N, C-alpha and C. Protein backbone atom coordinates (compact mmCIF):
# COMPACT_ATOMS: atom_id res chain seq x y z
N MET A 1 168.19 -36.83 -79.42
CA MET A 1 166.99 -37.06 -80.05
C MET A 1 165.93 -36.43 -79.79
N ALA A 2 165.03 -35.88 -80.62
CA ALA A 2 163.90 -35.44 -80.23
C ALA A 2 162.93 -36.43 -79.01
N ASP A 3 162.22 -35.29 -78.62
CA ASP A 3 161.39 -36.04 -77.06
C ASP A 3 160.59 -36.75 -77.90
N PHE A 4 160.20 -38.14 -77.59
CA PHE A 4 158.99 -38.82 -77.88
C PHE A 4 157.96 -39.20 -76.92
N THR A 5 157.17 -39.23 -76.58
CA THR A 5 155.79 -40.31 -75.70
C THR A 5 155.87 -41.34 -75.91
N GLU A 6 155.87 -42.26 -75.30
CA GLU A 6 155.70 -43.79 -75.24
C GLU A 6 155.06 -44.22 -76.47
N LYS A 7 153.84 -43.66 -76.30
CA LYS A 7 152.72 -43.69 -77.26
C LYS A 7 153.10 -43.26 -78.97
N GLN A 8 153.54 -42.17 -79.00
CA GLN A 8 154.65 -41.78 -80.23
C GLN A 8 155.41 -42.90 -80.54
N ARG A 9 156.30 -42.56 -79.87
CA ARG A 9 156.96 -44.40 -80.02
C ARG A 9 156.79 -45.63 -80.66
N GLU A 10 155.81 -46.22 -79.66
CA GLU A 10 154.68 -47.14 -80.41
C GLU A 10 154.34 -46.98 -81.52
N ASN A 11 153.67 -46.10 -81.77
CA ASN A 11 152.82 -45.92 -83.48
C ASN A 11 153.94 -45.49 -84.49
N LEU A 12 155.27 -44.86 -84.49
CA LEU A 12 155.92 -45.05 -85.15
C LEU A 12 156.71 -46.38 -85.57
N ALA A 13 157.07 -46.97 -84.93
CA ALA A 13 157.23 -48.76 -84.54
C ALA A 13 156.54 -49.47 -85.23
N GLU A 14 155.20 -49.19 -85.08
CA GLU A 14 154.07 -49.93 -86.24
C GLU A 14 154.10 -49.31 -87.12
N LYS A 15 154.42 -47.91 -87.49
CA LYS A 15 154.82 -47.88 -88.93
C LYS A 15 156.12 -48.26 -89.60
N GLY A 16 156.98 -48.86 -89.17
CA GLY A 16 158.07 -48.89 -89.47
C GLY A 16 159.18 -47.81 -89.33
N LYS A 17 158.70 -46.84 -88.89
CA LYS A 17 159.62 -45.71 -88.77
C LYS A 17 160.58 -45.66 -87.44
N ALA A 18 160.18 -46.65 -86.66
CA ALA A 18 161.21 -46.74 -85.23
C ALA A 18 161.54 -47.84 -85.26
N MET A 19 162.74 -48.17 -84.46
CA MET A 19 162.95 -49.93 -84.26
C MET A 19 161.58 -50.51 -83.42
N PRO A 20 161.74 -52.04 -83.33
CA PRO A 20 160.87 -52.08 -82.19
C PRO A 20 160.97 -51.71 -81.11
N HIS A 21 159.83 -51.52 -80.47
CA HIS A 21 159.44 -50.68 -78.95
C HIS A 21 159.79 -49.26 -79.10
N GLY A 22 160.09 -48.90 -79.93
CA GLY A 22 159.85 -47.32 -80.50
C GLY A 22 161.58 -46.89 -80.75
N GLY A 23 162.37 -47.50 -80.43
CA GLY A 23 163.61 -47.00 -80.33
C GLY A 23 164.17 -46.51 -81.27
N PHE A 24 165.12 -45.49 -81.91
CA PHE A 24 165.67 -44.45 -82.57
C PHE A 24 164.37 -44.36 -83.67
N PRO A 25 163.55 -43.43 -83.47
CA PRO A 25 162.22 -43.22 -83.99
C PRO A 25 163.10 -42.11 -85.48
N ILE A 26 163.02 -42.26 -87.04
CA ILE A 26 162.99 -41.65 -87.73
C ILE A 26 161.91 -41.26 -88.84
N ARG A 27 161.65 -40.25 -88.63
CA ARG A 27 160.60 -39.65 -89.75
C ARG A 27 161.02 -38.71 -90.61
N ASN A 28 162.08 -38.25 -90.37
CA ASN A 28 162.80 -37.34 -91.77
C ASN A 28 164.19 -37.10 -91.45
N ARG A 29 164.82 -36.28 -91.90
CA ARG A 29 166.13 -35.29 -92.15
C ARG A 29 166.78 -35.53 -90.75
N GLN A 30 166.10 -34.48 -89.88
CA GLN A 30 166.32 -34.20 -88.89
C GLN A 30 166.23 -35.27 -87.76
N ASP A 31 165.29 -36.34 -88.13
CA ASP A 31 165.35 -37.31 -87.01
C ASP A 31 166.72 -37.59 -87.46
N HIS A 32 167.13 -38.69 -88.43
CA HIS A 32 168.07 -39.18 -89.09
C HIS A 32 169.39 -38.34 -88.40
N LEU A 33 169.64 -37.27 -88.62
CA LEU A 33 171.02 -36.82 -88.49
C LEU A 33 170.81 -37.15 -86.78
N ASN A 34 169.89 -36.79 -86.25
CA ASN A 34 169.91 -37.05 -84.43
C ASN A 34 170.28 -38.55 -84.05
N ALA A 35 169.54 -39.30 -84.76
CA ALA A 35 169.59 -40.74 -84.67
C ALA A 35 171.24 -41.10 -84.92
N ILE A 36 171.54 -40.46 -86.05
CA ILE A 36 173.45 -40.50 -86.36
C ILE A 36 174.14 -40.19 -84.90
N ARG A 37 173.60 -38.95 -84.50
CA ARG A 37 174.52 -38.58 -83.33
C ARG A 37 174.32 -39.33 -81.90
N ALA A 38 173.12 -39.75 -81.44
CA ALA A 38 173.13 -40.56 -80.46
C ALA A 38 173.36 -42.09 -80.85
N ILE A 39 174.20 -42.61 -81.51
CA ILE A 39 174.39 -43.91 -82.08
C ILE A 39 174.83 -44.28 -80.68
N GLY A 40 175.77 -43.62 -79.74
CA GLY A 40 176.72 -43.81 -78.67
C GLY A 40 176.09 -44.46 -77.66
N ARG A 41 174.40 -44.17 -77.67
CA ARG A 41 173.41 -44.75 -76.59
C ARG A 41 173.27 -46.11 -77.00
N ALA A 42 173.43 -46.67 -78.21
CA ALA A 42 172.86 -47.81 -78.23
C ALA A 42 172.92 -48.92 -77.54
N LYS A 43 172.78 -50.21 -77.52
CA LYS A 43 172.98 -50.95 -76.87
C LYS A 43 173.32 -51.80 -77.57
N ASP A 44 173.03 -52.11 -78.64
CA ASP A 44 173.22 -52.48 -79.73
C ASP A 44 173.78 -52.05 -80.96
N LYS A 45 174.85 -51.37 -81.21
CA LYS A 45 175.41 -50.48 -82.41
C LYS A 45 175.21 -51.20 -83.62
N PRO A 46 175.81 -52.41 -84.12
CA PRO A 46 175.31 -53.17 -85.30
C PRO A 46 174.13 -52.76 -85.87
N LYS A 47 173.56 -53.35 -85.38
CA LYS A 47 171.96 -53.70 -85.45
C LYS A 47 171.51 -52.04 -85.71
N THR A 48 171.49 -51.16 -84.88
CA THR A 48 170.86 -49.64 -84.88
C THR A 48 171.63 -48.91 -86.09
N ARG A 49 172.80 -49.22 -86.38
CA ARG A 49 173.46 -48.66 -87.40
C ARG A 49 172.94 -49.20 -88.80
N ARG A 50 172.46 -50.39 -88.76
CA ARG A 50 171.68 -50.93 -89.80
C ARG A 50 170.43 -50.30 -90.32
N TRP A 51 169.91 -50.26 -88.96
CA TRP A 51 168.56 -49.63 -88.94
C TRP A 51 168.42 -48.04 -89.69
N ILE A 52 169.51 -47.68 -89.49
CA ILE A 52 169.51 -46.11 -89.60
C ILE A 52 170.04 -46.08 -91.39
N ILE A 53 171.00 -46.81 -91.42
CA ILE A 53 170.77 -46.96 -93.17
C ILE A 53 169.80 -47.65 -93.91
N LYS A 54 169.13 -48.27 -93.46
CA LYS A 54 168.15 -48.69 -93.85
C LYS A 54 166.90 -47.68 -93.93
N ARG A 55 166.33 -46.58 -92.75
CA ARG A 55 165.84 -45.50 -93.25
C ARG A 55 166.55 -44.33 -94.26
N ALA A 56 167.67 -44.31 -94.17
CA ALA A 56 168.39 -43.81 -94.69
C ALA A 56 167.88 -43.96 -96.39
N LYS A 57 168.34 -45.38 -96.49
CA LYS A 57 167.56 -45.40 -98.10
C LYS A 57 166.08 -44.96 -98.28
N GLN A 58 165.08 -45.60 -97.47
CA GLN A 58 163.99 -45.06 -97.79
C GLN A 58 163.68 -43.63 -97.70
N LEU A 59 164.17 -43.05 -97.21
CA LEU A 59 164.21 -41.46 -96.96
C LEU A 59 164.63 -40.70 -98.14
N ASP A 60 165.90 -41.51 -98.92
CA ASP A 60 167.13 -40.77 -99.94
C ASP A 60 167.55 -40.10 -99.34
N LEU A 61 168.50 -40.61 -98.14
CA LEU A 61 169.63 -39.34 -97.26
C LEU A 61 170.93 -40.57 -97.54
N LEU A 62 171.04 -41.36 -98.28
CA LEU A 62 171.94 -41.96 -97.72
C LEU A 62 173.47 -41.36 -97.92
N ASP A 63 173.42 -39.94 -98.70
CA ASP A 63 174.91 -39.09 -98.50
C ASP A 63 174.62 -38.77 -97.33
N LEU A 64 174.07 -39.13 -95.96
CA LEU A 64 174.01 -38.61 -94.83
C LEU A 64 174.73 -39.62 -93.87
N VAL A 65 174.69 -40.76 -94.53
CA VAL A 65 175.32 -42.07 -93.54
C VAL A 65 176.86 -42.09 -93.62
N PRO A 66 177.35 -41.73 -92.04
CA PRO A 66 179.02 -41.59 -92.41
C PRO A 66 179.91 -42.70 -92.97
N GLU A 67 180.81 -42.44 -93.35
CA GLU A 67 181.48 -43.43 -94.47
C GLU A 67 182.17 -44.62 -93.24
N GLU A 68 182.21 -44.41 -92.42
CA GLU A 68 183.33 -45.45 -91.75
C GLU A 68 182.27 -46.26 -90.90
N TRP A 69 180.76 -46.08 -90.99
CA TRP A 69 180.13 -47.07 -90.86
C TRP A 69 180.11 -48.35 -91.84
N LEU A 70 180.65 -48.14 -92.97
CA LEU A 70 180.65 -48.93 -93.60
C LEU A 70 181.86 -49.90 -93.61
N GLN A 71 183.00 -49.31 -92.84
CA GLN A 71 183.64 -50.50 -92.29
C GLN A 71 183.52 -51.30 -91.37
N HIS A 72 182.67 -51.52 -90.50
CA HIS A 72 181.67 -52.37 -89.91
C HIS A 72 180.82 -53.41 -90.15
N MET A 73 180.95 -53.23 -91.58
CA MET A 73 180.55 -54.36 -92.24
C MET A 73 181.35 -55.18 -93.09
N SER A 74 181.11 -56.42 -93.62
CA SER A 74 182.02 -57.30 -94.15
C SER A 74 182.70 -56.28 -95.44
N THR A 75 183.36 -57.23 -96.32
CA THR A 75 183.54 -56.56 -97.57
C THR A 75 182.53 -56.80 -98.67
N THR A 76 181.89 -58.25 -98.82
CA THR A 76 180.46 -58.69 -99.47
C THR A 76 179.92 -57.74 -98.87
N ALA A 77 179.13 -57.68 -97.88
CA ALA A 77 178.34 -56.72 -97.14
C ALA A 77 178.39 -55.42 -98.00
N VAL A 78 179.37 -54.65 -97.58
CA VAL A 78 179.68 -53.33 -98.40
C VAL A 78 179.35 -53.34 -99.65
N ASP A 79 179.74 -54.26 -100.60
CA ASP A 79 179.64 -54.75 -101.77
C ASP A 79 177.96 -54.79 -102.74
N ASN A 80 177.45 -55.41 -101.39
CA ASN A 80 176.13 -55.62 -101.42
C ASN A 80 174.97 -54.41 -101.02
N PHE A 81 175.74 -53.66 -100.46
CA PHE A 81 175.06 -52.45 -99.85
C PHE A 81 175.19 -51.41 -100.94
N LEU A 82 176.22 -51.20 -101.91
CA LEU A 82 176.34 -50.14 -102.49
C LEU A 82 175.46 -50.58 -103.81
N ALA A 83 175.69 -52.15 -103.95
CA ALA A 83 174.78 -52.52 -105.02
C ALA A 83 173.61 -52.26 -105.64
N HIS A 84 172.68 -52.30 -104.08
CA HIS A 84 171.41 -52.45 -103.95
C HIS A 84 171.32 -50.79 -103.79
N TYR A 85 171.70 -50.06 -103.00
CA TYR A 85 171.41 -48.83 -102.44
C TYR A 85 172.03 -47.47 -102.97
N GLY A 86 173.53 -48.15 -103.69
CA GLY A 86 174.72 -46.75 -104.23
C GLY A 86 174.62 -45.91 -103.12
N VAL A 87 174.65 -44.60 -103.70
CA VAL A 87 175.28 -43.23 -103.05
C VAL A 87 174.50 -42.05 -104.18
N LYS A 88 173.90 -41.48 -102.93
CA LYS A 88 173.04 -40.39 -103.64
C LYS A 88 173.28 -39.33 -104.63
N GLY A 89 173.01 -39.65 -105.97
CA GLY A 89 173.78 -38.83 -107.34
C GLY A 89 174.40 -39.35 -108.02
N MET A 90 175.12 -40.90 -107.39
CA MET A 90 175.81 -41.65 -108.56
C MET A 90 175.43 -42.57 -109.24
N LYS A 91 175.30 -42.52 -110.87
CA LYS A 91 175.12 -43.86 -111.58
C LYS A 91 175.35 -45.03 -111.13
N TRP A 92 174.49 -46.20 -111.67
CA TRP A 92 174.23 -47.69 -111.07
C TRP A 92 175.70 -48.31 -111.25
N GLY A 93 176.30 -47.93 -112.51
CA GLY A 93 177.18 -48.58 -112.90
C GLY A 93 178.51 -48.48 -112.05
N GLN A 94 178.53 -46.69 -111.69
CA GLN A 94 179.63 -45.93 -110.55
C GLN A 94 179.84 -46.98 -108.93
N ARG A 95 178.69 -47.73 -108.96
CA ARG A 95 178.39 -47.83 -107.14
C ARG A 95 179.74 -49.11 -106.95
N LYS A 96 179.75 -49.87 -107.28
CA LYS A 96 180.71 -50.61 -107.27
C LYS A 96 182.10 -50.47 -107.49
N ALA A 97 182.29 -49.49 -107.92
CA ALA A 97 183.92 -48.84 -108.43
C ALA A 97 184.00 -47.99 -107.14
N HIS A 98 182.67 -47.37 -106.52
CA HIS A 98 182.77 -46.36 -105.42
C HIS A 98 183.55 -47.17 -104.07
N SER A 99 182.64 -48.56 -103.99
CA SER A 99 183.36 -49.56 -102.75
C SER A 99 184.59 -49.56 -103.13
N ARG A 100 185.06 -50.33 -104.20
CA ARG A 100 186.30 -50.48 -104.41
C ARG A 100 187.56 -49.58 -104.06
N GLU A 101 186.76 -48.58 -104.20
CA GLU A 101 188.14 -47.05 -104.22
C GLU A 101 187.86 -46.81 -102.70
N MET A 102 186.49 -46.87 -102.42
CA MET A 102 186.74 -46.29 -100.83
C MET A 102 187.66 -47.59 -99.78
N ARG A 103 187.68 -48.44 -100.30
CA ARG A 103 188.50 -49.98 -99.78
C ARG A 103 190.10 -49.57 -99.71
N ARG A 104 190.39 -49.24 -100.99
CA ARG A 104 191.63 -48.78 -101.31
C ARG A 104 192.29 -47.61 -100.48
N LEU A 105 190.95 -46.54 -100.10
CA LEU A 105 191.73 -45.47 -99.40
C LEU A 105 191.97 -45.61 -98.04
N ASN A 106 190.70 -46.75 -97.59
CA ASN A 106 191.07 -47.15 -96.17
C ASN A 106 192.34 -48.38 -96.13
N LYS A 107 192.18 -48.98 -96.54
CA LYS A 107 193.78 -49.71 -97.11
C LYS A 107 194.91 -48.60 -96.64
N GLU A 108 195.04 -47.88 -97.61
CA GLU A 108 196.11 -46.79 -97.55
C GLU A 108 196.26 -46.12 -96.27
N SER A 109 195.16 -45.62 -95.89
CA SER A 109 195.25 -44.92 -94.52
C SER A 109 195.83 -46.05 -93.50
N ARG A 110 195.20 -46.82 -93.52
CA ARG A 110 195.93 -47.98 -92.34
C ARG A 110 197.44 -48.43 -92.76
N ALA A 111 197.68 -48.43 -93.95
CA ALA A 111 199.16 -48.23 -94.15
C ALA A 111 199.90 -47.31 -93.39
N ARG A 112 199.45 -46.05 -93.87
CA ARG A 112 200.04 -44.81 -93.42
C ARG A 112 200.37 -44.88 -91.86
N ASP A 113 198.94 -45.35 -90.98
CA ASP A 113 199.04 -45.02 -89.70
C ASP A 113 200.40 -46.22 -89.20
N LYS A 114 200.18 -47.52 -89.89
CA LYS A 114 201.20 -48.58 -89.37
C LYS A 114 202.45 -48.13 -89.57
N ALA A 115 203.08 -47.29 -90.48
CA ALA A 115 204.34 -46.89 -91.12
C ALA A 115 204.84 -45.49 -89.91
N GLU A 116 203.74 -45.17 -89.63
CA GLU A 116 204.17 -43.52 -88.79
C GLU A 116 204.19 -44.37 -87.40
N ARG A 117 203.33 -45.30 -86.65
CA ARG A 117 203.59 -45.82 -85.73
C ARG A 117 204.71 -46.38 -85.43
N SER A 118 205.19 -47.17 -86.37
CA SER A 118 206.88 -47.88 -86.57
C SER A 118 207.84 -46.92 -86.64
N GLU A 119 207.35 -45.94 -87.10
CA GLU A 119 208.86 -45.05 -87.26
C GLU A 119 208.62 -44.14 -85.53
N ASN A 120 207.47 -43.74 -85.11
CA ASN A 120 207.67 -43.26 -83.89
C ASN A 120 208.04 -44.22 -83.02
N ILE A 121 208.26 -46.16 -82.94
CA ILE A 121 208.39 -46.82 -82.31
C ILE A 121 210.27 -46.57 -82.53
N THR A 122 210.45 -46.52 -83.50
CA THR A 122 212.00 -46.59 -84.07
C THR A 122 212.92 -45.32 -83.38
N ARG A 123 212.28 -44.18 -83.64
CA ARG A 123 212.90 -43.04 -83.14
C ARG A 123 212.94 -43.06 -81.61
N ALA A 124 211.79 -43.54 -80.76
CA ALA A 124 211.97 -43.68 -79.48
C ALA A 124 213.00 -44.73 -78.88
N ARG A 125 213.26 -46.00 -79.64
CA ARG A 125 214.12 -46.72 -78.99
C ARG A 125 215.65 -46.25 -79.39
N GLU A 126 215.39 -45.46 -80.27
CA GLU A 126 217.01 -44.86 -80.90
C GLU A 126 217.27 -43.86 -79.72
N ARG A 127 216.00 -42.99 -79.26
CA ARG A 127 216.67 -42.24 -78.21
C ARG A 127 217.16 -42.68 -76.61
N PHE A 128 216.84 -43.37 -76.69
CA PHE A 128 217.09 -44.03 -75.39
C PHE A 128 218.48 -45.08 -75.39
N ARG A 129 218.63 -45.44 -76.60
CA ARG A 129 219.69 -46.36 -76.97
C ARG A 129 220.87 -45.41 -77.29
N SER A 130 220.81 -44.55 -77.60
CA SER A 130 221.87 -43.38 -78.34
C SER A 130 222.34 -42.74 -76.65
N GLY A 131 221.41 -42.60 -75.96
CA GLY A 131 221.33 -42.10 -74.54
C GLY A 131 221.08 -40.22 -74.59
N LYS A 132 220.40 -40.14 -75.36
CA LYS A 132 219.91 -38.61 -75.37
C LYS A 132 218.83 -38.30 -74.79
N ALA A 133 217.98 -39.65 -74.34
CA ALA A 133 217.21 -39.40 -73.42
C ALA A 133 217.57 -38.82 -72.16
N ARG A 134 218.51 -39.19 -71.56
CA ARG A 134 219.28 -39.34 -70.36
C ARG A 134 220.45 -37.90 -70.46
N GLU A 135 220.57 -37.51 -71.90
CA GLU A 135 221.10 -36.37 -71.92
C GLU A 135 220.52 -35.18 -71.78
N ASP A 136 219.32 -35.39 -72.67
CA ASP A 136 218.67 -34.14 -72.32
C ASP A 136 217.63 -33.75 -70.79
N TYR A 137 217.36 -35.17 -70.23
CA TYR A 137 217.14 -34.87 -68.75
C TYR A 137 218.21 -34.34 -68.06
N LYS A 138 219.71 -34.25 -68.03
CA LYS A 138 220.19 -33.72 -67.75
C LYS A 138 220.23 -32.20 -68.20
N LYS A 139 220.52 -32.11 -69.33
CA LYS A 139 220.78 -30.60 -69.58
C LYS A 139 219.33 -29.84 -68.87
N ALA A 140 218.33 -30.34 -69.13
CA ALA A 140 216.86 -29.58 -68.08
C ALA A 140 217.27 -29.29 -66.42
N LYS A 141 217.81 -30.68 -66.15
CA LYS A 141 218.03 -30.44 -64.71
C LYS A 141 218.95 -28.83 -64.63
N SER A 142 219.97 -29.34 -65.20
CA SER A 142 221.33 -27.68 -65.11
C SER A 142 220.43 -26.50 -65.60
N GLU A 143 219.71 -26.56 -66.13
CA GLU A 143 218.45 -25.67 -67.00
C GLU A 143 217.80 -24.86 -65.66
N TYR A 144 217.07 -26.06 -65.08
CA TYR A 144 216.61 -25.68 -63.66
C TYR A 144 217.30 -24.66 -62.88
N LYS A 145 218.40 -25.49 -62.64
CA LYS A 145 219.41 -24.70 -61.39
C LYS A 145 219.43 -23.85 -61.84
N ALA A 146 219.77 -23.58 -62.97
CA ALA A 146 220.41 -21.99 -63.50
C ALA A 146 219.06 -20.81 -63.37
N GLN A 147 217.87 -21.47 -63.60
CA GLN A 147 216.74 -20.39 -64.07
C GLN A 147 215.88 -20.39 -62.64
N ARG A 148 215.99 -21.45 -61.47
CA ARG A 148 214.93 -21.28 -60.62
C ARG A 148 215.18 -19.90 -59.48
N HIS A 149 216.20 -18.99 -59.60
CA HIS A 149 216.34 -18.31 -58.98
C HIS A 149 216.16 -17.18 -59.77
N VAL A 150 216.36 -17.25 -61.26
CA VAL A 150 215.69 -15.88 -61.90
C VAL A 150 214.27 -15.77 -62.41
N ILE A 151 213.52 -17.02 -62.70
CA ILE A 151 212.16 -16.81 -63.34
C ILE A 151 211.35 -17.84 -61.86
N GLY A 152 211.92 -18.23 -60.90
CA GLY A 152 210.72 -18.82 -59.87
C GLY A 152 211.06 -20.42 -59.84
N LYS A 153 211.55 -21.10 -58.92
CA LYS A 153 211.63 -22.66 -58.75
C LYS A 153 210.01 -22.54 -59.54
N ARG A 154 208.93 -22.57 -59.28
CA ARG A 154 207.99 -23.70 -60.02
C ARG A 154 207.60 -23.21 -61.51
N GLU A 155 207.87 -22.05 -62.11
CA GLU A 155 208.23 -21.98 -63.42
C GLU A 155 209.24 -22.93 -64.30
N ALA A 156 210.27 -22.68 -63.13
CA ALA A 156 211.59 -23.38 -64.12
C ALA A 156 211.50 -24.79 -63.57
N LYS A 157 210.80 -25.35 -62.75
CA LYS A 157 210.25 -26.81 -62.82
C LYS A 157 209.21 -27.11 -63.82
N LYS A 158 208.84 -26.46 -64.78
CA LYS A 158 208.22 -26.94 -66.04
C LYS A 158 209.58 -27.65 -66.64
N ILE A 159 210.46 -26.62 -67.00
CA ILE A 159 211.84 -27.26 -68.18
C ILE A 159 211.73 -28.68 -68.06
N LEU A 160 211.94 -29.22 -66.41
CA LEU A 160 211.92 -30.54 -65.93
C LEU A 160 210.98 -31.45 -66.24
N THR A 161 209.80 -30.81 -66.22
CA THR A 161 208.82 -31.77 -66.46
C THR A 161 208.30 -31.89 -67.62
N LYS A 162 208.52 -31.00 -68.53
CA LYS A 162 208.39 -31.18 -70.16
C LYS A 162 209.27 -32.42 -70.84
N VAL A 163 210.66 -32.57 -70.05
CA VAL A 163 211.33 -33.46 -70.42
C VAL A 163 211.24 -34.83 -69.70
N ARG A 164 210.69 -34.62 -68.75
CA ARG A 164 210.65 -36.36 -68.26
C ARG A 164 209.14 -36.44 -68.59
N ASP A 165 208.32 -35.68 -69.04
CA ASP A 165 206.77 -36.30 -69.72
C ASP A 165 207.36 -37.04 -71.07
N GLN A 166 208.31 -36.07 -71.77
CA GLN A 166 208.70 -36.69 -73.15
C GLN A 166 209.13 -38.10 -73.11
N ASN A 167 210.19 -37.91 -72.00
CA ASN A 167 210.61 -39.21 -71.67
C ASN A 167 209.87 -40.83 -71.26
N VAL A 168 209.36 -40.37 -70.38
CA VAL A 168 208.12 -41.55 -70.02
C VAL A 168 207.15 -41.81 -71.32
N LYS A 169 206.86 -40.76 -72.14
CA LYS A 169 205.66 -41.11 -73.43
C LYS A 169 206.80 -42.17 -74.38
N ASP A 170 208.17 -41.29 -74.28
CA ASP A 170 209.10 -42.05 -75.42
C ASP A 170 209.44 -43.87 -74.76
N TYR A 171 209.41 -43.83 -73.71
CA TYR A 171 210.04 -44.95 -72.77
C TYR A 171 208.63 -46.16 -73.03
N GLU A 172 207.51 -45.35 -72.97
CA GLU A 172 206.20 -46.46 -73.68
C GLU A 172 205.81 -46.97 -75.05
N THR A 173 206.61 -45.76 -75.98
CA THR A 173 206.36 -46.33 -77.15
C THR A 173 207.56 -47.00 -77.59
N ALA A 174 208.87 -46.62 -76.85
CA ALA A 174 209.97 -47.92 -77.46
C ALA A 174 209.07 -49.09 -76.97
N ASN A 175 209.04 -49.19 -75.76
CA ASN A 175 208.58 -50.83 -75.73
C ASN A 175 207.32 -51.56 -76.27
N SER A 176 206.79 -50.65 -77.01
CA SER A 176 205.53 -51.18 -77.80
C SER A 176 206.25 -52.24 -79.18
N PHE A 177 205.29 -53.41 -79.03
CA PHE A 177 206.01 -53.90 -80.39
C PHE A 177 205.37 -53.39 -82.07
N LYS A 178 206.45 -53.16 -82.47
CA LYS A 178 205.74 -52.62 -84.28
C LYS A 178 204.96 -53.66 -85.07
N ASN A 179 204.85 -54.87 -84.71
CA ASN A 179 203.94 -55.50 -85.36
C ASN A 179 203.89 -57.19 -84.74
N GLY A 180 202.99 -58.08 -85.83
CA GLY A 180 203.03 -59.79 -85.32
C GLY A 180 204.10 -60.39 -85.39
N LYS A 181 205.37 -59.83 -86.02
CA LYS A 181 206.44 -60.39 -86.21
C LYS A 181 207.38 -60.23 -84.41
N GLU A 182 207.48 -58.89 -84.26
CA GLU A 182 208.24 -58.87 -82.88
C GLU A 182 207.39 -59.17 -81.69
N ILE A 183 206.30 -59.17 -81.56
CA ILE A 183 204.71 -60.13 -80.59
C ILE A 183 205.49 -61.48 -80.73
N ALA A 184 205.64 -61.95 -81.98
CA ALA A 184 205.91 -63.27 -81.90
C ALA A 184 207.38 -63.99 -81.24
N GLY A 185 208.41 -63.12 -81.82
CA GLY A 185 209.55 -62.84 -81.38
C GLY A 185 209.84 -62.73 -79.70
N ALA A 186 208.75 -61.99 -79.36
CA ALA A 186 209.15 -61.96 -77.87
C ALA A 186 208.56 -63.01 -76.96
N ILE A 187 207.40 -63.54 -77.55
CA ILE A 187 206.90 -64.93 -77.10
C ILE A 187 208.03 -66.07 -77.21
N ALA A 188 208.65 -65.90 -78.14
CA ALA A 188 209.60 -67.24 -78.22
C ALA A 188 211.24 -66.62 -77.34
N LEU A 189 211.57 -65.80 -76.67
CA LEU A 189 212.33 -65.43 -75.97
C LEU A 189 211.99 -65.52 -74.51
N GLY A 190 211.00 -65.57 -74.33
CA GLY A 190 210.24 -65.73 -73.03
C GLY A 190 209.55 -64.54 -72.42
N VAL A 191 208.90 -63.45 -73.11
CA VAL A 191 208.44 -61.88 -72.65
C VAL A 191 207.79 -63.03 -71.64
N GLY A 192 207.70 -62.43 -70.27
CA GLY A 192 206.48 -62.40 -69.01
C GLY A 192 205.19 -62.03 -69.59
N ALA A 193 204.05 -62.63 -69.20
CA ALA A 193 202.87 -62.60 -69.86
C ALA A 193 202.42 -61.06 -69.10
N THR A 194 202.73 -60.78 -68.22
CA THR A 194 202.39 -58.82 -67.71
C THR A 194 202.83 -58.30 -68.91
N VAL A 195 204.17 -58.02 -69.10
CA VAL A 195 204.79 -57.14 -70.10
C VAL A 195 204.10 -57.55 -71.23
N LEU A 196 203.42 -58.56 -71.96
CA LEU A 196 202.73 -58.79 -73.00
C LEU A 196 201.87 -58.23 -72.94
N VAL A 197 200.73 -58.71 -71.96
CA VAL A 197 199.35 -58.31 -71.88
C VAL A 197 199.54 -56.90 -71.82
N SER A 198 200.24 -56.16 -71.15
CA SER A 198 200.35 -54.55 -71.21
C SER A 198 200.67 -53.88 -72.58
N THR A 199 201.73 -54.71 -73.21
CA THR A 199 201.89 -54.20 -74.70
C THR A 199 201.02 -54.24 -75.60
N LEU A 200 200.11 -55.60 -75.42
CA LEU A 200 198.92 -55.92 -76.45
C LEU A 200 198.27 -54.79 -76.23
N LYS A 201 197.87 -54.22 -74.98
CA LYS A 201 196.76 -53.37 -74.82
C LYS A 201 197.49 -52.22 -75.12
N ALA A 202 197.95 -51.87 -75.17
CA ALA A 202 199.08 -50.54 -75.91
C ALA A 202 198.44 -50.42 -77.30
N LEU A 203 198.82 -52.04 -77.72
CA LEU A 203 198.85 -51.72 -79.57
C LEU A 203 197.43 -51.96 -80.01
N SER A 204 196.22 -52.31 -78.82
CA SER A 204 194.95 -52.07 -79.21
C SER A 204 194.42 -50.96 -79.25
N SER A 205 194.97 -50.08 -78.40
CA SER A 205 194.39 -49.05 -77.98
C SER A 205 194.48 -48.04 -78.87
């Protein structure tokens, strides 16, 4: 963000162009863009996002507000925000329809991500269940032995490393839970707390 003196921040806060104590001053379009880029520095991100949105409305810069910020607001809050402020260039009657469309698109995106994750877990599990992971490593090991005297040990070792890294990645994926139903089933079967916690962390990452 642009450099402001303490006095300038105080004056802008008094005029309603900065947060209390002079944080995130927004006088114009450039300040607004700077504030969006600097959101990572905010101690209270939800409050700061609301401030930036408020100033965007006042400066007629709502088209610059990141769409994903609305996802941090409740469904009711999103509807109220769009009903009151709308989207720049959009007619009043279209605003709630736009809100519903954005939620639909977000829902579809989450569904696609979930399906892709489930597919990756299934593929990884099948790779170990069928013995393909072990088979691939054996092939890589044979190729390493055959190539190390041709292309050098260091270069040949990359063949082994590539397959080993893929096996490790697939092993972690295979041990993830697809959904809450699998988590509940694992708990019912007495999965160790350590395994469960590590899996939940993988799910939330």
